[in-house]
N, C-alpha and C. Protein backbone atom coordinates (compact mmCIF):
# COMPACT_ATOMS: atom_id res chain seq x y z
N MET A 1 -1.42 -16.36 -15.48
CA MET A 1 -3.00 -16.38 -15.36
C MET A 1 -3.70 -17.49 -14.73
N ASP A 2 -3.13 -18.71 -15.17
CA ASP A 2 -3.70 -19.91 -14.39
C ASP A 2 -3.71 -19.99 -13.02
N THR A 3 -2.49 -19.48 -12.42
CA THR A 3 -2.50 -19.35 -10.96
C THR A 3 -3.44 -18.30 -10.35
N THR A 4 -3.67 -17.23 -11.08
CA THR A 4 -4.54 -16.30 -10.65
C THR A 4 -5.96 -16.73 -10.68
N LEU A 5 -6.38 -17.49 -11.60
CA LEU A 5 -7.59 -18.21 -11.66
C LEU A 5 -7.85 -19.22 -10.52
N ALA A 6 -6.69 -19.91 -10.31
CA ALA A 6 -6.82 -20.92 -9.07
C ALA A 6 -6.91 -20.23 -7.89
N VAL A 7 -6.28 -18.97 -7.64
CA VAL A 7 -6.54 -18.17 -6.41
C VAL A 7 -7.99 -17.72 -6.34
N PHE A 8 -8.56 -17.31 -7.49
CA PHE A 8 -10.03 -16.99 -7.50
C PHE A 8 -10.91 -18.17 -7.24
N VAL A 9 -10.65 -19.40 -7.67
CA VAL A 9 -11.49 -20.54 -7.31
C VAL A 9 -11.30 -20.79 -6.05
N PHE A 10 -10.17 -20.87 -5.46
CA PHE A 10 -10.01 -21.14 -4.05
C PHE A 10 -10.88 -20.26 -3.13
N ILE A 11 -10.65 -18.75 -3.44
CA ILE A 11 -11.40 -17.85 -2.61
C ILE A 11 -12.92 -18.16 -2.85
N ARG A 12 -13.44 -18.30 -3.97
CA ARG A 12 -14.83 -18.49 -4.21
C ARG A 12 -15.38 -19.81 -3.39
N ASN A 13 -14.54 -20.85 -3.47
CA ASN A 13 -14.90 -22.06 -2.72
C ASN A 13 -14.92 -21.85 -1.27
N TYR A 14 -13.82 -21.20 -0.77
CA TYR A 14 -13.76 -20.78 0.62
C TYR A 14 -14.92 -20.02 1.06
N LEU A 15 -15.35 -19.00 0.42
CA LEU A 15 -16.45 -18.07 0.85
C LEU A 15 -17.62 -18.89 0.82
N SER A 16 -17.87 -19.91 -0.02
CA SER A 16 -19.05 -20.77 -0.10
C SER A 16 -19.16 -21.52 1.28
N ILE A 17 -18.03 -21.74 1.98
CA ILE A 17 -18.15 -22.68 3.18
C ILE A 17 -18.00 -21.83 4.28
N HIS A 18 -17.21 -20.63 4.43
CA HIS A 18 -16.91 -19.95 5.59
C HIS A 18 -17.67 -18.40 5.47
N PRO A 19 -18.01 -17.93 6.56
CA PRO A 19 -18.55 -16.52 6.65
C PRO A 19 -17.56 -15.43 6.53
N TRP A 20 -16.38 -15.85 6.47
CA TRP A 20 -15.19 -14.84 6.52
C TRP A 20 -14.18 -15.21 5.21
N SER A 21 -13.40 -14.32 4.91
CA SER A 21 -12.54 -14.71 3.68
C SER A 21 -11.08 -15.36 4.17
N PRO A 22 -10.64 -15.92 3.38
CA PRO A 22 -9.53 -16.66 3.66
C PRO A 22 -8.18 -15.67 3.94
N SER A 23 -7.21 -16.06 4.76
CA SER A 23 -5.96 -15.26 4.93
C SER A 23 -5.06 -15.49 3.83
N LEU A 24 -4.11 -14.66 3.63
CA LEU A 24 -3.10 -14.88 2.56
C LEU A 24 -2.46 -16.20 2.65
N ARG A 25 -1.99 -16.68 3.93
CA ARG A 25 -1.49 -17.93 4.17
C ARG A 25 -2.31 -19.14 3.71
N GLU A 26 -3.62 -19.05 4.03
CA GLU A 26 -4.51 -20.08 3.57
C GLU A 26 -4.67 -20.16 2.10
N ILE A 27 -4.69 -18.95 1.36
CA ILE A 27 -4.65 -19.02 -0.04
C ILE A 27 -3.58 -19.59 -0.62
N ALA A 28 -2.31 -19.19 -0.04
CA ALA A 28 -1.01 -19.63 -0.49
C ALA A 28 -0.98 -21.26 -0.39
N ASP A 29 -1.24 -21.66 0.89
CA ASP A 29 -1.39 -23.16 1.02
C ASP A 29 -2.27 -23.89 0.16
N GLY A 30 -3.44 -23.36 -0.14
CA GLY A 30 -4.49 -23.96 -0.83
C GLY A 30 -4.11 -23.96 -2.26
N CYS A 31 -3.32 -23.10 -2.84
CA CYS A 31 -2.96 -22.89 -4.19
C CYS A 31 -1.53 -23.43 -4.48
N GLY A 32 -0.87 -23.97 -3.53
CA GLY A 32 0.59 -24.52 -3.64
C GLY A 32 1.64 -23.34 -3.87
N LEU A 33 1.36 -22.12 -3.44
CA LEU A 33 2.24 -21.19 -3.47
C LEU A 33 3.15 -21.13 -2.21
N ALA A 34 4.53 -20.78 -2.50
CA ALA A 34 5.53 -20.95 -1.48
C ALA A 34 5.33 -19.78 -0.41
N TRP A 35 4.99 -18.49 -0.76
CA TRP A 35 4.94 -17.43 0.08
C TRP A 35 3.71 -16.75 0.06
N PRO A 36 3.04 -16.33 1.28
CA PRO A 36 1.74 -15.59 1.15
C PRO A 36 1.87 -14.36 0.50
N SER A 37 3.04 -13.72 0.50
CA SER A 37 3.29 -12.51 -0.30
C SER A 37 3.03 -12.51 -1.78
N SER A 38 3.29 -13.65 -2.30
CA SER A 38 3.05 -13.84 -3.69
C SER A 38 1.63 -13.91 -4.01
N VAL A 39 0.72 -14.14 -3.06
CA VAL A 39 -0.69 -14.11 -3.28
C VAL A 39 -1.15 -12.65 -3.61
N VAL A 40 -0.46 -11.66 -3.02
CA VAL A 40 -0.91 -10.26 -3.29
C VAL A 40 -1.00 -9.94 -4.69
N ARG A 41 -0.04 -10.38 -5.47
CA ARG A 41 0.04 -10.03 -6.93
C ARG A 41 -1.30 -10.53 -7.62
N HIS A 42 -1.73 -11.85 -7.33
CA HIS A 42 -2.74 -12.40 -7.78
C HIS A 42 -4.08 -11.76 -7.45
N LEU A 43 -4.11 -11.32 -6.11
CA LEU A 43 -5.28 -10.58 -5.74
C LEU A 43 -5.47 -9.22 -6.35
N ASP A 44 -4.31 -8.64 -6.58
CA ASP A 44 -4.19 -7.26 -7.39
C ASP A 44 -4.86 -7.45 -8.75
N HIS A 45 -4.53 -8.65 -9.51
CA HIS A 45 -5.14 -8.83 -10.84
C HIS A 45 -6.54 -9.14 -10.71
N LEU A 46 -7.00 -9.93 -9.77
CA LEU A 46 -8.38 -10.19 -9.58
C LEU A 46 -9.17 -8.86 -9.28
N GLU A 47 -8.64 -8.05 -8.53
CA GLU A 47 -9.24 -6.72 -8.23
C GLU A 47 -9.30 -5.94 -9.48
N GLN A 48 -8.30 -5.90 -10.27
CA GLN A 48 -8.31 -5.10 -11.52
C GLN A 48 -9.26 -5.61 -12.48
N TRP A 49 -9.41 -6.88 -12.51
CA TRP A 49 -10.50 -7.56 -13.27
C TRP A 49 -11.83 -7.45 -12.84
N GLY A 50 -12.08 -6.82 -11.71
CA GLY A 50 -13.40 -6.54 -11.16
C GLY A 50 -14.15 -7.75 -10.52
N LEU A 51 -13.29 -8.83 -10.17
CA LEU A 51 -13.89 -9.92 -9.55
C LEU A 51 -13.95 -10.03 -8.04
N ILE A 52 -13.07 -9.22 -7.36
CA ILE A 52 -13.02 -9.09 -5.93
C ILE A 52 -12.92 -7.79 -5.41
N ILE A 53 -13.11 -7.43 -4.22
CA ILE A 53 -12.88 -6.21 -3.55
C ILE A 53 -12.24 -6.53 -2.33
N ARG A 54 -11.20 -5.69 -1.84
CA ARG A 54 -10.54 -5.70 -0.64
C ARG A 54 -10.56 -4.53 -0.07
N GLN A 55 -10.58 -4.51 1.34
CA GLN A 55 -10.54 -3.24 2.15
C GLN A 55 -9.07 -2.97 2.65
N PRO A 56 -8.51 -1.96 2.08
CA PRO A 56 -7.06 -1.72 2.41
C PRO A 56 -6.74 -1.67 3.95
N GLY A 57 -5.75 -2.40 4.45
CA GLY A 57 -5.24 -2.42 5.78
C GLY A 57 -6.21 -3.32 6.61
N GLN A 58 -7.09 -4.04 6.07
CA GLN A 58 -7.94 -4.84 6.94
C GLN A 58 -7.76 -6.40 6.56
N ALA A 59 -7.34 -7.21 7.51
CA ALA A 59 -7.25 -8.61 7.22
C ALA A 59 -8.64 -9.32 6.87
N ARG A 60 -8.49 -10.36 6.08
CA ARG A 60 -9.67 -11.17 5.68
C ARG A 60 -10.78 -10.21 5.29
N SER A 61 -10.55 -9.50 4.24
CA SER A 61 -11.58 -8.44 3.73
C SER A 61 -11.93 -8.61 2.28
N ILE A 62 -11.67 -9.86 1.81
CA ILE A 62 -11.83 -10.21 0.35
C ILE A 62 -13.31 -10.57 0.31
N THR A 63 -14.07 -9.77 -0.59
CA THR A 63 -15.41 -10.25 -0.94
C THR A 63 -15.42 -10.26 -2.57
N LEU A 64 -16.31 -11.23 -2.95
CA LEU A 64 -16.65 -11.19 -4.38
C LEU A 64 -17.70 -10.18 -4.89
N THR A 65 -17.35 -9.61 -6.00
CA THR A 65 -18.23 -8.52 -6.63
C THR A 65 -19.24 -9.45 -7.24
N GLU A 66 -20.30 -8.73 -7.88
CA GLU A 66 -21.45 -9.34 -8.70
C GLU A 66 -20.81 -10.09 -9.83
N LYS A 67 -19.81 -9.42 -10.46
CA LYS A 67 -19.17 -10.06 -11.62
C LYS A 67 -18.36 -11.25 -11.24
N GLY A 68 -17.66 -11.24 -9.98
CA GLY A 68 -17.06 -12.51 -9.39
C GLY A 68 -18.09 -13.59 -9.08
N GLU A 69 -19.24 -13.21 -8.52
CA GLU A 69 -20.12 -14.32 -8.34
C GLU A 69 -20.69 -15.01 -9.52
N ARG A 70 -20.77 -14.20 -10.62
CA ARG A 70 -21.25 -14.82 -11.90
C ARG A 70 -20.14 -15.43 -12.87
N PHE A 71 -19.00 -15.15 -12.57
CA PHE A 71 -17.88 -15.55 -13.25
C PHE A 71 -17.75 -17.05 -13.43
N GLN A 72 -17.75 -17.47 -14.78
CA GLN A 72 -17.68 -18.92 -15.14
C GLN A 72 -16.24 -19.22 -15.52
N ILE A 73 -15.82 -20.26 -14.96
CA ILE A 73 -14.43 -20.74 -15.35
C ILE A 73 -14.59 -22.10 -16.02
């Protein structure tokens, strides 16, 4: 769960600076994960928790939900 929250914090911080969402590689590198594919599991959890939305089959499509924007860590 700690890693999933670290992924969320990375995404939220990235989106505060850039007008596009981070790639899987950028998230993996930013969170110290060895493989970009391991990020997908964390994104699945964040989506299930209602904090993010992704567009299937579309790169860099992560957006925060209203709940994600308000979420306090």
